[in-house]
Amino acid sequence: MPKPYIPNDHWSQRASLEGYRARSAYKLMELDRRFHLLRPGMTVLDLGAAPGSWLQYASQRVGPRGNVIGIDLEEIPPIAPNISVYRADITDTEALTAVLRSENIQRFDLVLSDAAPATSGIKDIDQWRSIEIAQAALGIASRVLKAHGSCIVKVFRGADFDEFLRGVRSEWEEVKIVSVKASRDRSREIYLLLRNRKT
């Protein structure tokens, strides 16, 4: 008889014990604790949301009066009554517009993206794909965020990161570069906290 799967690192073990779908829940938990991102009643958009651990945490924080929308290429099984999930490509503007129209939501308090490319093992390619996804997420955030809303976007550090960051800083008034404890030891991922897009 096969042995049950037991996660082999602290964060994955904790996620399994506490009912989160992935260890990444603790990344958002730390970001929220440090920067006070989530409050009851908020409307949140999670881009690249599978398998759903950020949705789970956001749902708990915004409560029954809040609303969380998750979008991913992969199907996400139902989580909670205040979460709606859609299967769509976040780089497809028409598909995203259709989702928001179906939810009758025009503006969000918070946009999240923990999305990452399917890695090839070639660092430069993976990093550039990560930047492309981050750029797509930022393009969406710039269109749907409320005036004083916040955005969290993951990106991989690498050769193109500094140029990407210069572009971001030219478009947003507040840009913070943040590392989190729950990232894997060898990971090159960091998060950008963005507020107040320049007009």
N, C-alpha and C. Protein backbone atom coordinates (compact mmCIF):
# COMPACT_ATOMS: atom_id res chain seq x y z
N MET A 1 0.85 -1.20 0.00
CA MET A 1 0.00 0.00 0.00
C MET A 1 0.89 1.25 0.00
N PRO A 2 0.65 2.20 -0.94
CA PRO A 2 1.51 3.39 -1.01
C PRO A 2 1.36 4.25 0.22
N LYS A 3 2.47 4.89 0.60
CA LYS A 3 2.44 5.78 1.76
C LYS A 3 1.79 7.11 1.37
N PRO A 4 1.08 7.74 2.29
CA PRO A 4 0.49 9.05 1.98
C PRO A 4 1.58 10.08 1.74
N TYR A 5 1.28 11.05 0.85
CA TYR A 5 2.25 12.11 0.55
C TYR A 5 2.41 13.03 1.76
N ILE A 6 3.65 13.27 2.13
CA ILE A 6 3.96 14.19 3.23
C ILE A 6 4.87 15.28 2.69
N PRO A 7 4.44 16.54 2.71
CA PRO A 7 5.31 17.62 2.22
C PRO A 7 6.64 17.64 2.95
N ASN A 8 7.69 18.01 2.22
CA ASN A 8 9.04 17.88 2.81
C ASN A 8 9.65 19.21 3.24
N ASP A 9 8.87 20.27 3.32
CA ASP A 9 9.42 21.50 3.87
C ASP A 9 8.41 22.12 4.83
N HIS A 10 8.91 23.01 5.66
CA HIS A 10 8.10 23.58 6.74
C HIS A 10 6.82 24.22 6.23
N TRP A 11 6.93 25.07 5.19
CA TRP A 11 5.77 25.82 4.73
C TRP A 11 4.73 24.91 4.09
N SER A 12 5.18 23.92 3.33
CA SER A 12 4.23 22.98 2.73
C SER A 12 3.55 22.13 3.79
N GLN A 13 4.31 21.72 4.80
CA GLN A 13 3.71 20.95 5.90
C GLN A 13 2.66 21.79 6.63
N ARG A 14 2.99 23.04 6.88
CA ARG A 14 2.04 23.92 7.56
C ARG A 14 0.79 24.12 6.72
N ALA A 15 0.97 24.31 5.40
CA ALA A 15 -0.19 24.48 4.52
C ALA A 15 -1.09 23.26 4.56
N SER A 16 -0.47 22.09 4.54
CA SER A 16 -1.24 20.85 4.59
C SER A 16 -2.04 20.75 5.90
N LEU A 17 -1.41 21.11 7.00
CA LEU A 17 -2.07 21.03 8.30
C LEU A 17 -3.19 22.06 8.45
N GLU A 18 -2.99 23.25 7.87
CA GLU A 18 -3.95 24.34 8.06
C GLU A 18 -4.98 24.44 6.94
N GLY A 19 -4.91 23.54 5.98
CA GLY A 19 -5.95 23.47 4.95
C GLY A 19 -5.77 24.39 3.77
N TYR A 20 -4.58 24.95 3.58
CA TYR A 20 -4.33 25.78 2.39
C TYR A 20 -3.88 24.90 1.22
N ARG A 21 -4.23 25.31 0.04
CA ARG A 21 -3.93 24.51 -1.14
C ARG A 21 -2.47 24.54 -1.55
N ALA A 22 -1.72 25.51 -1.06
CA ALA A 22 -0.29 25.60 -1.39
C ALA A 22 0.42 26.44 -0.34
N ARG A 23 1.73 26.26 -0.27
CA ARG A 23 2.56 26.99 0.67
C ARG A 23 2.55 28.50 0.40
N SER A 24 2.18 28.87 -0.81
CA SER A 24 2.20 30.29 -1.19
C SER A 24 1.24 31.14 -0.36
N ALA A 25 0.29 30.50 0.32
CA ALA A 25 -0.62 31.27 1.19
C ALA A 25 0.17 32.11 2.19
N TYR A 26 1.29 31.59 2.65
CA TYR A 26 2.06 32.29 3.68
C TYR A 26 2.83 33.48 3.12
N LYS A 27 3.01 33.50 1.81
CA LYS A 27 3.61 34.68 1.18
C LYS A 27 2.63 35.85 1.27
N LEU A 28 1.39 35.59 0.88
CA LEU A 28 0.39 36.66 0.96
C LEU A 28 0.12 37.04 2.41
N MET A 29 0.12 36.07 3.29
CA MET A 29 -0.11 36.33 4.70
C MET A 29 0.95 37.30 5.24
N GLU A 30 2.21 37.06 4.89
CA GLU A 30 3.28 37.95 5.33
C GLU A 30 3.15 39.34 4.71
N LEU A 31 2.85 39.38 3.41
CA LEU A 31 2.69 40.67 2.74
C LEU A 31 1.55 41.46 3.36
N ASP A 32 0.47 40.78 3.68
CA ASP A 32 -0.68 41.44 4.30
C ASP A 32 -0.33 41.95 5.69
N ARG A 33 0.39 41.15 6.45
CA ARG A 33 0.77 41.56 7.80
C ARG A 33 1.67 42.79 7.77
N ARG A 34 2.57 42.83 6.80
CA ARG A 34 3.52 43.94 6.73
C ARG A 34 2.93 45.21 6.15
N PHE A 35 2.01 45.07 5.19
CA PHE A 35 1.55 46.24 4.44
C PHE A 35 0.03 46.48 4.54
N HIS A 36 -0.66 45.70 5.35
CA HIS A 36 -2.09 45.93 5.61
C HIS A 36 -2.89 46.01 4.30
N LEU A 37 -2.78 44.95 3.51
CA LEU A 37 -3.38 44.93 2.18
C LEU A 37 -4.88 44.65 2.19
N LEU A 38 -5.31 43.77 3.09
CA LEU A 38 -6.67 43.24 3.04
C LEU A 38 -7.49 43.67 4.25
N ARG A 39 -8.74 44.05 3.98
CA ARG A 39 -9.66 44.46 5.04
C ARG A 39 -11.06 43.91 4.73
N PRO A 40 -11.89 43.78 5.71
CA PRO A 40 -13.25 43.31 5.47
C PRO A 40 -13.98 44.19 4.44
N GLY A 41 -14.74 43.52 3.57
CA GLY A 41 -15.55 44.22 2.59
C GLY A 41 -14.85 44.60 1.30
N MET A 42 -13.57 44.30 1.17
CA MET A 42 -12.83 44.69 -0.03
C MET A 42 -13.20 43.83 -1.24
N THR A 43 -12.93 44.38 -2.42
CA THR A 43 -13.08 43.66 -3.69
C THR A 43 -11.68 43.41 -4.23
N VAL A 44 -11.35 42.12 -4.46
CA VAL A 44 -9.98 41.71 -4.78
C VAL A 44 -9.97 40.91 -6.08
N LEU A 45 -8.97 41.18 -6.92
CA LEU A 45 -8.76 40.43 -8.15
C LEU A 45 -7.43 39.69 -8.04
N ASP A 46 -7.46 38.36 -8.20
CA ASP A 46 -6.26 37.52 -8.10
C ASP A 46 -5.98 36.94 -9.49
N LEU A 47 -4.88 37.36 -10.10
CA LEU A 47 -4.50 36.95 -11.45
C LEU A 47 -3.50 35.81 -11.39
N GLY A 48 -3.77 34.74 -12.14
CA GLY A 48 -2.92 33.55 -12.05
C GLY A 48 -3.14 32.87 -10.71
N ALA A 49 -4.42 32.63 -10.38
CA ALA A 49 -4.81 32.31 -9.02
C ALA A 49 -4.65 30.84 -8.63
N ALA A 50 -4.49 29.93 -9.59
CA ALA A 50 -4.40 28.50 -9.25
C ALA A 50 -3.14 28.24 -8.41
N PRO A 51 -3.20 27.31 -7.49
CA PRO A 51 -4.31 26.40 -7.15
C PRO A 51 -5.35 27.01 -6.21
N GLY A 52 -5.10 28.22 -5.71
CA GLY A 52 -6.14 28.90 -4.94
C GLY A 52 -5.80 29.29 -3.53
N SER A 53 -4.54 29.15 -3.12
CA SER A 53 -4.21 29.46 -1.72
C SER A 53 -4.32 30.96 -1.43
N TRP A 54 -3.97 31.81 -2.40
CA TRP A 54 -4.15 33.25 -2.17
C TRP A 54 -5.64 33.60 -2.12
N LEU A 55 -6.45 32.92 -2.92
CA LEU A 55 -7.89 33.12 -2.86
C LEU A 55 -8.42 32.74 -1.48
N GLN A 56 -7.94 31.62 -0.95
CA GLN A 56 -8.39 31.17 0.36
C GLN A 56 -8.11 32.22 1.43
N TYR A 57 -6.88 32.70 1.45
CA TYR A 57 -6.50 33.68 2.48
C TYR A 57 -7.26 34.99 2.28
N ALA A 58 -7.33 35.47 1.03
CA ALA A 58 -8.03 36.73 0.76
C ALA A 58 -9.50 36.63 1.15
N SER A 59 -10.11 35.47 0.87
CA SER A 59 -11.51 35.25 1.22
C SER A 59 -11.73 35.39 2.72
N GLN A 60 -10.85 34.82 3.51
CA GLN A 60 -10.96 34.91 4.97
C GLN A 60 -10.85 36.35 5.44
N ARG A 61 -9.95 37.10 4.82
CA ARG A 61 -9.69 38.47 5.29
C ARG A 61 -10.78 39.45 4.88
N VAL A 62 -11.35 39.29 3.68
CA VAL A 62 -12.37 40.26 3.24
C VAL A 62 -13.74 39.91 3.82
N GLY A 63 -13.94 38.66 4.23
CA GLY A 63 -15.18 38.26 4.89
C GLY A 63 -16.37 38.17 3.95
N PRO A 64 -17.54 37.89 4.50
CA PRO A 64 -18.73 37.66 3.68
C PRO A 64 -19.21 38.88 2.90
N ARG A 65 -18.84 40.06 3.34
CA ARG A 65 -19.22 41.28 2.60
C ARG A 65 -18.23 41.60 1.49
N GLY A 66 -17.11 40.91 1.47
CA GLY A 66 -16.12 41.12 0.44
C GLY A 66 -16.36 40.25 -0.77
N ASN A 67 -15.53 40.48 -1.79
CA ASN A 67 -15.68 39.76 -3.05
C ASN A 67 -14.29 39.50 -3.62
N VAL A 68 -14.00 38.25 -3.95
CA VAL A 68 -12.70 37.89 -4.50
C VAL A 68 -12.92 37.18 -5.83
N ILE A 69 -12.24 37.66 -6.87
CA ILE A 69 -12.31 37.08 -8.21
C ILE A 69 -10.96 36.46 -8.54
N GLY A 70 -10.96 35.20 -8.94
CA GLY A 70 -9.72 34.52 -9.31
C GLY A 70 -9.74 34.12 -10.78
N ILE A 71 -8.64 34.36 -11.47
CA ILE A 71 -8.53 34.03 -12.90
C ILE A 71 -7.25 33.23 -13.13
N ASP A 72 -7.37 32.15 -13.89
CA ASP A 72 -6.19 31.34 -14.20
C ASP A 72 -6.48 30.50 -15.44
N LEU A 73 -5.42 30.07 -16.12
CA LEU A 73 -5.58 29.15 -17.24
C LEU A 73 -6.06 27.78 -16.78
N GLU A 74 -5.71 27.43 -15.53
CA GLU A 74 -6.14 26.15 -14.98
C GLU A 74 -7.48 26.30 -14.27
N GLU A 75 -8.23 25.20 -14.26
CA GLU A 75 -9.49 25.22 -13.53
C GLU A 75 -9.22 25.20 -12.03
N ILE A 76 -9.95 26.01 -11.28
CA ILE A 76 -9.79 26.10 -9.83
C ILE A 76 -11.07 25.58 -9.18
N PRO A 77 -10.99 24.50 -8.42
CA PRO A 77 -12.18 23.98 -7.74
C PRO A 77 -12.76 25.02 -6.78
N PRO A 78 -14.08 24.98 -6.54
CA PRO A 78 -14.73 25.96 -5.66
C PRO A 78 -14.06 26.03 -4.28
N ILE A 79 -14.09 27.23 -3.69
CA ILE A 79 -13.43 27.45 -2.40
C ILE A 79 -14.41 27.97 -1.36
N ALA A 80 -15.03 29.13 -1.62
CA ALA A 80 -15.89 29.77 -0.63
C ALA A 80 -16.96 30.60 -1.35
N PRO A 81 -18.07 30.90 -0.68
CA PRO A 81 -19.16 31.64 -1.33
C PRO A 81 -18.77 33.03 -1.84
N ASN A 82 -17.79 33.66 -1.21
CA ASN A 82 -17.42 35.02 -1.64
C ASN A 82 -16.30 35.02 -2.68
N ILE A 83 -16.03 33.86 -3.28
CA ILE A 83 -15.00 33.74 -4.33
C ILE A 83 -15.65 33.28 -5.62
N SER A 84 -15.35 33.99 -6.71
CA SER A 84 -15.73 33.54 -8.06
C SER A 84 -14.46 33.25 -8.83
N VAL A 85 -14.42 32.11 -9.54
CA VAL A 85 -13.23 31.75 -10.29
C VAL A 85 -13.57 31.58 -11.77
N TYR A 86 -12.61 31.97 -12.61
CA TYR A 86 -12.81 31.91 -14.05
C TYR A 86 -11.55 31.34 -14.70
N ARG A 87 -11.78 30.58 -15.76
CA ARG A 87 -10.67 30.02 -16.53
C ARG A 87 -10.44 30.92 -17.74
N ALA A 88 -9.34 31.66 -17.71
CA ALA A 88 -9.04 32.61 -18.77
C ALA A 88 -7.56 32.96 -18.74
N ASP A 89 -7.08 33.49 -19.83
CA ASP A 89 -5.69 33.93 -19.96
C ASP A 89 -5.62 35.40 -19.54
N ILE A 90 -4.78 35.70 -18.54
CA ILE A 90 -4.74 37.08 -18.05
C ILE A 90 -4.13 38.04 -19.07
N THR A 91 -3.49 37.51 -20.12
CA THR A 91 -2.96 38.37 -21.17
C THR A 91 -3.99 38.63 -22.27
N ASP A 92 -5.16 38.01 -22.17
CA ASP A 92 -6.23 38.17 -23.16
C ASP A 92 -7.20 39.25 -22.67
N THR A 93 -7.08 40.43 -23.22
CA THR A 93 -7.86 41.57 -22.76
C THR A 93 -9.36 41.34 -22.93
N GLU A 94 -9.76 40.75 -24.04
CA GLU A 94 -11.19 40.52 -24.29
C GLU A 94 -11.77 39.54 -23.28
N ALA A 95 -11.02 38.47 -22.98
CA ALA A 95 -11.50 37.48 -22.02
C ALA A 95 -11.65 38.11 -20.64
N LEU A 96 -10.68 38.92 -20.25
CA LEU A 96 -10.73 39.58 -18.94
C LEU A 96 -11.91 40.54 -18.87
N THR A 97 -12.12 41.30 -19.93
CA THR A 97 -13.25 42.24 -19.96
C THR A 97 -14.57 41.50 -19.80
N ALA A 98 -14.68 40.33 -20.44
CA ALA A 98 -15.90 39.54 -20.34
C ALA A 98 -16.13 39.06 -18.91
N VAL A 99 -15.05 38.66 -18.23
CA VAL A 99 -15.16 38.21 -16.84
C VAL A 99 -15.67 39.34 -15.96
N LEU A 100 -15.08 40.49 -16.06
CA LEU A 100 -15.46 41.62 -15.21
C LEU A 100 -16.89 42.08 -15.52
N ARG A 101 -17.26 42.01 -16.79
CA ARG A 101 -18.63 42.38 -17.15
C ARG A 101 -19.62 41.41 -16.52
N SER A 102 -19.28 40.12 -16.52
CA SER A 102 -20.19 39.13 -15.95
C SER A 102 -20.34 39.31 -14.44
N GLU A 103 -19.31 39.84 -13.78
CA GLU A 103 -19.36 40.09 -12.34
C GLU A 103 -19.90 41.47 -12.01
N ASN A 104 -20.07 42.29 -13.05
CA ASN A 104 -20.54 43.67 -12.87
C ASN A 104 -19.64 44.44 -11.91
N ILE A 105 -18.33 44.24 -12.08
CA ILE A 105 -17.33 44.94 -11.27
C ILE A 105 -16.46 45.79 -12.20
N GLN A 106 -16.31 47.04 -11.88
CA GLN A 106 -15.48 47.92 -12.69
C GLN A 106 -14.16 48.26 -12.00
N ARG A 107 -14.16 48.32 -10.68
CA ARG A 107 -12.95 48.72 -9.97
C ARG A 107 -12.70 47.81 -8.77
N PHE A 108 -11.40 47.58 -8.49
CA PHE A 108 -10.99 46.72 -7.38
C PHE A 108 -10.15 47.51 -6.38
N ASP A 109 -10.25 47.08 -5.12
CA ASP A 109 -9.42 47.67 -4.07
C ASP A 109 -7.99 47.14 -4.12
N LEU A 110 -7.84 45.89 -4.59
CA LEU A 110 -6.54 45.22 -4.56
C LEU A 110 -6.44 44.26 -5.74
N VAL A 111 -5.32 44.33 -6.44
CA VAL A 111 -5.01 43.36 -7.51
C VAL A 111 -3.78 42.57 -7.09
N LEU A 112 -3.88 41.25 -7.16
CA LEU A 112 -2.79 40.35 -6.77
C LEU A 112 -2.34 39.53 -7.97
N SER A 113 -1.06 39.24 -8.05
CA SER A 113 -0.58 38.29 -9.04
C SER A 113 0.64 37.56 -8.49
N ASP A 114 0.43 36.28 -8.22
CA ASP A 114 1.52 35.39 -7.83
C ASP A 114 1.87 34.47 -9.00
N ALA A 115 1.47 34.88 -10.19
CA ALA A 115 1.63 34.05 -11.39
C ALA A 115 3.10 33.90 -11.76
N ALA A 116 3.44 32.73 -12.29
CA ALA A 116 4.80 32.45 -12.74
C ALA A 116 4.72 31.60 -14.01
N PRO A 117 5.71 31.72 -14.88
CA PRO A 117 5.69 30.91 -16.10
C PRO A 117 6.02 29.45 -15.80
N ALA A 118 5.62 28.58 -16.71
CA ALA A 118 6.10 27.20 -16.65
C ALA A 118 7.59 27.24 -16.95
N THR A 119 8.41 26.84 -15.98
CA THR A 119 9.85 27.04 -16.12
C THR A 119 10.47 26.07 -17.12
N SER A 120 11.44 26.60 -17.85
CA SER A 120 12.14 25.81 -18.86
C SER A 120 13.48 25.29 -18.35
N GLY A 121 13.97 25.89 -17.25
CA GLY A 121 15.30 25.55 -16.75
C GLY A 121 16.36 26.49 -17.29
N ILE A 122 15.99 27.32 -18.26
CA ILE A 122 16.91 28.33 -18.81
C ILE A 122 16.59 29.65 -18.13
N LYS A 123 17.47 30.10 -17.25
CA LYS A 123 17.15 31.22 -16.35
C LYS A 123 16.72 32.47 -17.09
N ASP A 124 17.44 32.84 -18.14
CA ASP A 124 17.12 34.09 -18.83
C ASP A 124 15.74 34.03 -19.48
N ILE A 125 15.40 32.89 -20.06
CA ILE A 125 14.09 32.74 -20.69
C ILE A 125 12.99 32.79 -19.64
N ASP A 126 13.19 32.05 -18.55
CA ASP A 126 12.19 32.02 -17.49
C ASP A 126 11.98 33.40 -16.89
N GLN A 127 13.09 34.13 -16.72
CA GLN A 127 12.98 35.46 -16.13
C GLN A 127 12.24 36.41 -17.07
N TRP A 128 12.51 36.33 -18.37
CA TRP A 128 11.81 37.20 -19.30
C TRP A 128 10.33 36.86 -19.36
N ARG A 129 10.00 35.58 -19.32
CA ARG A 129 8.58 35.19 -19.31
C ARG A 129 7.89 35.70 -18.05
N SER A 130 8.62 35.68 -16.93
CA SER A 130 8.08 36.21 -15.69
C SER A 130 7.78 37.69 -15.83
N ILE A 131 8.66 38.42 -16.46
CA ILE A 131 8.44 39.85 -16.68
C ILE A 131 7.24 40.09 -17.59
N GLU A 132 7.08 39.27 -18.61
CA GLU A 132 5.93 39.41 -19.50
C GLU A 132 4.61 39.23 -18.74
N ILE A 133 4.58 38.22 -17.85
CA ILE A 133 3.38 38.00 -17.05
C ILE A 133 3.14 39.17 -16.10
N ALA A 134 4.22 39.65 -15.47
CA ALA A 134 4.09 40.79 -14.56
C ALA A 134 3.60 42.03 -15.30
N GLN A 135 4.09 42.24 -16.51
CA GLN A 135 3.64 43.39 -17.29
C GLN A 135 2.16 43.29 -17.63
N ALA A 136 1.71 42.07 -17.95
CA ALA A 136 0.28 41.87 -18.23
C ALA A 136 -0.55 42.17 -16.99
N ALA A 137 -0.09 41.69 -15.83
CA ALA A 137 -0.81 41.93 -14.58
C ALA A 137 -0.86 43.43 -14.26
N LEU A 138 0.25 44.12 -14.49
CA LEU A 138 0.28 45.56 -14.21
C LEU A 138 -0.62 46.33 -15.17
N GLY A 139 -0.69 45.86 -16.42
CA GLY A 139 -1.59 46.50 -17.37
C GLY A 139 -3.04 46.38 -16.93
N ILE A 140 -3.39 45.21 -16.40
CA ILE A 140 -4.75 45.03 -15.88
C ILE A 140 -4.98 45.91 -14.66
N ALA A 141 -4.01 45.90 -13.75
CA ALA A 141 -4.15 46.71 -12.53
C ALA A 141 -4.33 48.18 -12.86
N SER A 142 -3.62 48.66 -13.84
CA SER A 142 -3.72 50.07 -14.19
C SER A 142 -5.11 50.44 -14.69
N ARG A 143 -5.84 49.44 -15.22
CA ARG A 143 -7.18 49.70 -15.74
C ARG A 143 -8.28 49.52 -14.69
N VAL A 144 -8.06 48.62 -13.72
CA VAL A 144 -9.18 48.24 -12.85
C VAL A 144 -9.03 48.67 -11.39
N LEU A 145 -7.86 49.16 -10.99
CA LEU A 145 -7.68 49.55 -9.59
C LEU A 145 -8.42 50.85 -9.27
N LYS A 146 -8.98 50.91 -8.07
CA LYS A 146 -9.53 52.16 -7.56
C LYS A 146 -8.40 53.17 -7.36
N ALA A 147 -8.77 54.42 -7.17
CA ALA A 147 -7.79 55.50 -7.11
C ALA A 147 -6.68 55.25 -6.10
N HIS A 148 -7.01 54.73 -4.92
CA HIS A 148 -5.99 54.49 -3.90
C HIS A 148 -5.80 52.99 -3.63
N GLY A 149 -6.06 52.20 -4.66
CA GLY A 149 -5.90 50.76 -4.53
C GLY A 149 -4.44 50.34 -4.56
N SER A 150 -4.20 49.08 -4.24
CA SER A 150 -2.85 48.53 -4.19
C SER A 150 -2.72 47.34 -5.13
N CYS A 151 -1.50 47.06 -5.52
CA CYS A 151 -1.22 45.94 -6.41
C CYS A 151 0.03 45.21 -5.91
N ILE A 152 -0.04 43.88 -5.89
CA ILE A 152 1.11 43.04 -5.57
C ILE A 152 1.39 42.14 -6.78
N VAL A 153 2.61 42.18 -7.28
CA VAL A 153 2.97 41.39 -8.46
C VAL A 153 4.29 40.67 -8.21
N LYS A 154 4.32 39.37 -8.54
CA LYS A 154 5.57 38.61 -8.44
C LYS A 154 6.36 38.72 -9.73
N VAL A 155 7.68 38.76 -9.59
CA VAL A 155 8.56 38.76 -10.76
C VAL A 155 9.88 38.11 -10.37
N PHE A 156 10.56 37.50 -11.34
CA PHE A 156 11.87 36.90 -11.09
C PHE A 156 12.95 37.93 -11.35
N ARG A 157 13.92 38.00 -10.46
CA ARG A 157 15.10 38.84 -10.70
C ARG A 157 15.97 38.21 -11.78
N GLY A 158 16.66 39.07 -12.53
CA GLY A 158 17.55 38.58 -13.58
C GLY A 158 18.05 39.74 -14.41
N ALA A 159 18.54 39.42 -15.59
CA ALA A 159 19.21 40.42 -16.43
C ALA A 159 18.29 41.57 -16.82
N ASP A 160 17.00 41.30 -17.00
CA ASP A 160 16.08 42.33 -17.48
C ASP A 160 15.32 43.04 -16.35
N PHE A 161 15.61 42.65 -15.13
CA PHE A 161 14.80 43.17 -14.02
C PHE A 161 14.96 44.67 -13.83
N ASP A 162 16.19 45.18 -13.88
CA ASP A 162 16.41 46.61 -13.62
C ASP A 162 15.69 47.49 -14.64
N GLU A 163 15.72 47.08 -15.89
CA GLU A 163 15.01 47.85 -16.92
C GLU A 163 13.50 47.80 -16.69
N PHE A 164 13.01 46.62 -16.36
CA PHE A 164 11.59 46.48 -16.03
C PHE A 164 11.21 47.38 -14.86
N LEU A 165 12.04 47.39 -13.82
CA LEU A 165 11.75 48.18 -12.62
C LEU A 165 11.74 49.67 -12.94
N ARG A 166 12.65 50.12 -13.79
CA ARG A 166 12.66 51.54 -14.18
C ARG A 166 11.33 51.92 -14.84
N GLY A 167 10.84 51.03 -15.69
CA GLY A 167 9.55 51.29 -16.33
C GLY A 167 8.42 51.36 -15.33
N VAL A 168 8.43 50.45 -14.37
CA VAL A 168 7.39 50.43 -13.34
C VAL A 168 7.43 51.72 -12.53
N ARG A 169 8.63 52.14 -12.14
CA ARG A 169 8.75 53.35 -11.32
C ARG A 169 8.34 54.61 -12.08
N SER A 170 8.41 54.56 -13.40
CA SER A 170 7.97 55.72 -14.18
C SER A 170 6.45 55.81 -14.23
N GLU A 171 5.75 54.71 -13.88
CA GLU A 171 4.30 54.68 -14.00
C GLU A 171 3.57 54.68 -12.66
N TRP A 172 4.28 54.34 -11.56
CA TRP A 172 3.65 54.26 -10.25
C TRP A 172 4.40 55.15 -9.26
N GLU A 173 3.65 55.83 -8.40
CA GLU A 173 4.28 56.73 -7.43
C GLU A 173 4.98 55.96 -6.31
N GLU A 174 4.39 54.88 -5.85
CA GLU A 174 4.97 54.10 -4.76
C GLU A 174 5.31 52.70 -5.25
N VAL A 175 6.57 52.34 -5.17
CA VAL A 175 7.03 51.02 -5.60
C VAL A 175 7.95 50.46 -4.52
N LYS A 176 7.57 49.34 -3.93
CA LYS A 176 8.42 48.68 -2.93
C LYS A 176 8.81 47.30 -3.45
N ILE A 177 10.08 46.94 -3.27
CA ILE A 177 10.57 45.61 -3.62
C ILE A 177 10.61 44.79 -2.34
N VAL A 178 9.94 43.64 -2.35
CA VAL A 178 9.75 42.89 -1.11
C VAL A 178 10.13 41.42 -1.31
N SER A 179 10.91 40.89 -0.39
CA SER A 179 11.16 39.45 -0.33
C SER A 179 10.36 38.88 0.84
N VAL A 180 9.94 37.63 0.70
CA VAL A 180 9.14 37.01 1.76
C VAL A 180 9.81 35.72 2.25
N LYS A 181 9.58 35.40 3.50
CA LYS A 181 10.23 34.25 4.13
C LYS A 181 9.81 32.93 3.53
N ALA A 182 8.57 32.85 3.02
CA ALA A 182 8.06 31.58 2.51
C ALA A 182 8.54 31.26 1.10
N SER A 183 9.30 32.15 0.47
CA SER A 183 9.89 31.81 -0.84
C SER A 183 10.92 30.70 -0.64
N ARG A 184 11.07 29.87 -1.64
CA ARG A 184 12.06 28.80 -1.56
C ARG A 184 13.46 29.39 -1.52
N ASP A 185 14.38 28.70 -0.87
CA ASP A 185 15.72 29.24 -0.62
C ASP A 185 16.42 29.68 -1.90
N ARG A 186 16.28 28.92 -2.96
CA ARG A 186 17.00 29.23 -4.20
C ARG A 186 16.18 30.07 -5.18
N SER A 187 15.01 30.47 -4.76
CA SER A 187 14.12 31.20 -5.66
C SER A 187 14.65 32.60 -5.93
N ARG A 188 14.44 33.06 -7.15
CA ARG A 188 14.81 34.43 -7.52
C ARG A 188 13.58 35.35 -7.51
N GLU A 189 12.48 34.85 -6.95
CA GLU A 189 11.26 35.65 -6.96
C GLU A 189 11.29 36.76 -5.92
N ILE A 190 10.72 37.88 -6.31
CA ILE A 190 10.46 38.97 -5.38
C ILE A 190 9.07 39.51 -5.71
N TYR A 191 8.56 40.34 -4.83
CA TYR A 191 7.25 40.94 -5.06
C TYR A 191 7.39 42.46 -5.13
N LEU A 192 6.59 43.04 -5.98
CA LEU A 192 6.50 44.49 -6.06
C LEU A 192 5.17 44.92 -5.46
N LEU A 193 5.23 45.84 -4.53
CA LEU A 193 4.04 46.47 -3.98
C LEU A 193 3.91 47.83 -4.64
N LEU A 194 2.77 48.04 -5.29
CA LEU A 194 2.57 49.26 -6.07
C LEU A 194 1.33 49.97 -5.59
N ARG A 195 1.43 51.29 -5.48
CA ARG A 195 0.28 52.12 -5.12
C ARG A 195 0.33 53.42 -5.91
N ASN A 196 -0.83 53.96 -6.23
CA ASN A 196 -0.97 55.28 -6.84
C ASN A 196 -0.31 55.36 -8.22
N ARG A 197 -1.02 54.84 -9.21
CA ARG A 197 -0.51 54.92 -10.57
C ARG A 197 -0.51 56.36 -11.04
N LYS A 198 0.58 56.76 -11.67
CA LYS A 198 0.69 58.13 -12.19
C LYS A 198 -0.23 58.32 -13.38
N THR A 199 -0.81 59.52 -13.50
CA THR A 199 -1.71 59.80 -14.61
C THR A 199 -1.01 60.64 -15.66
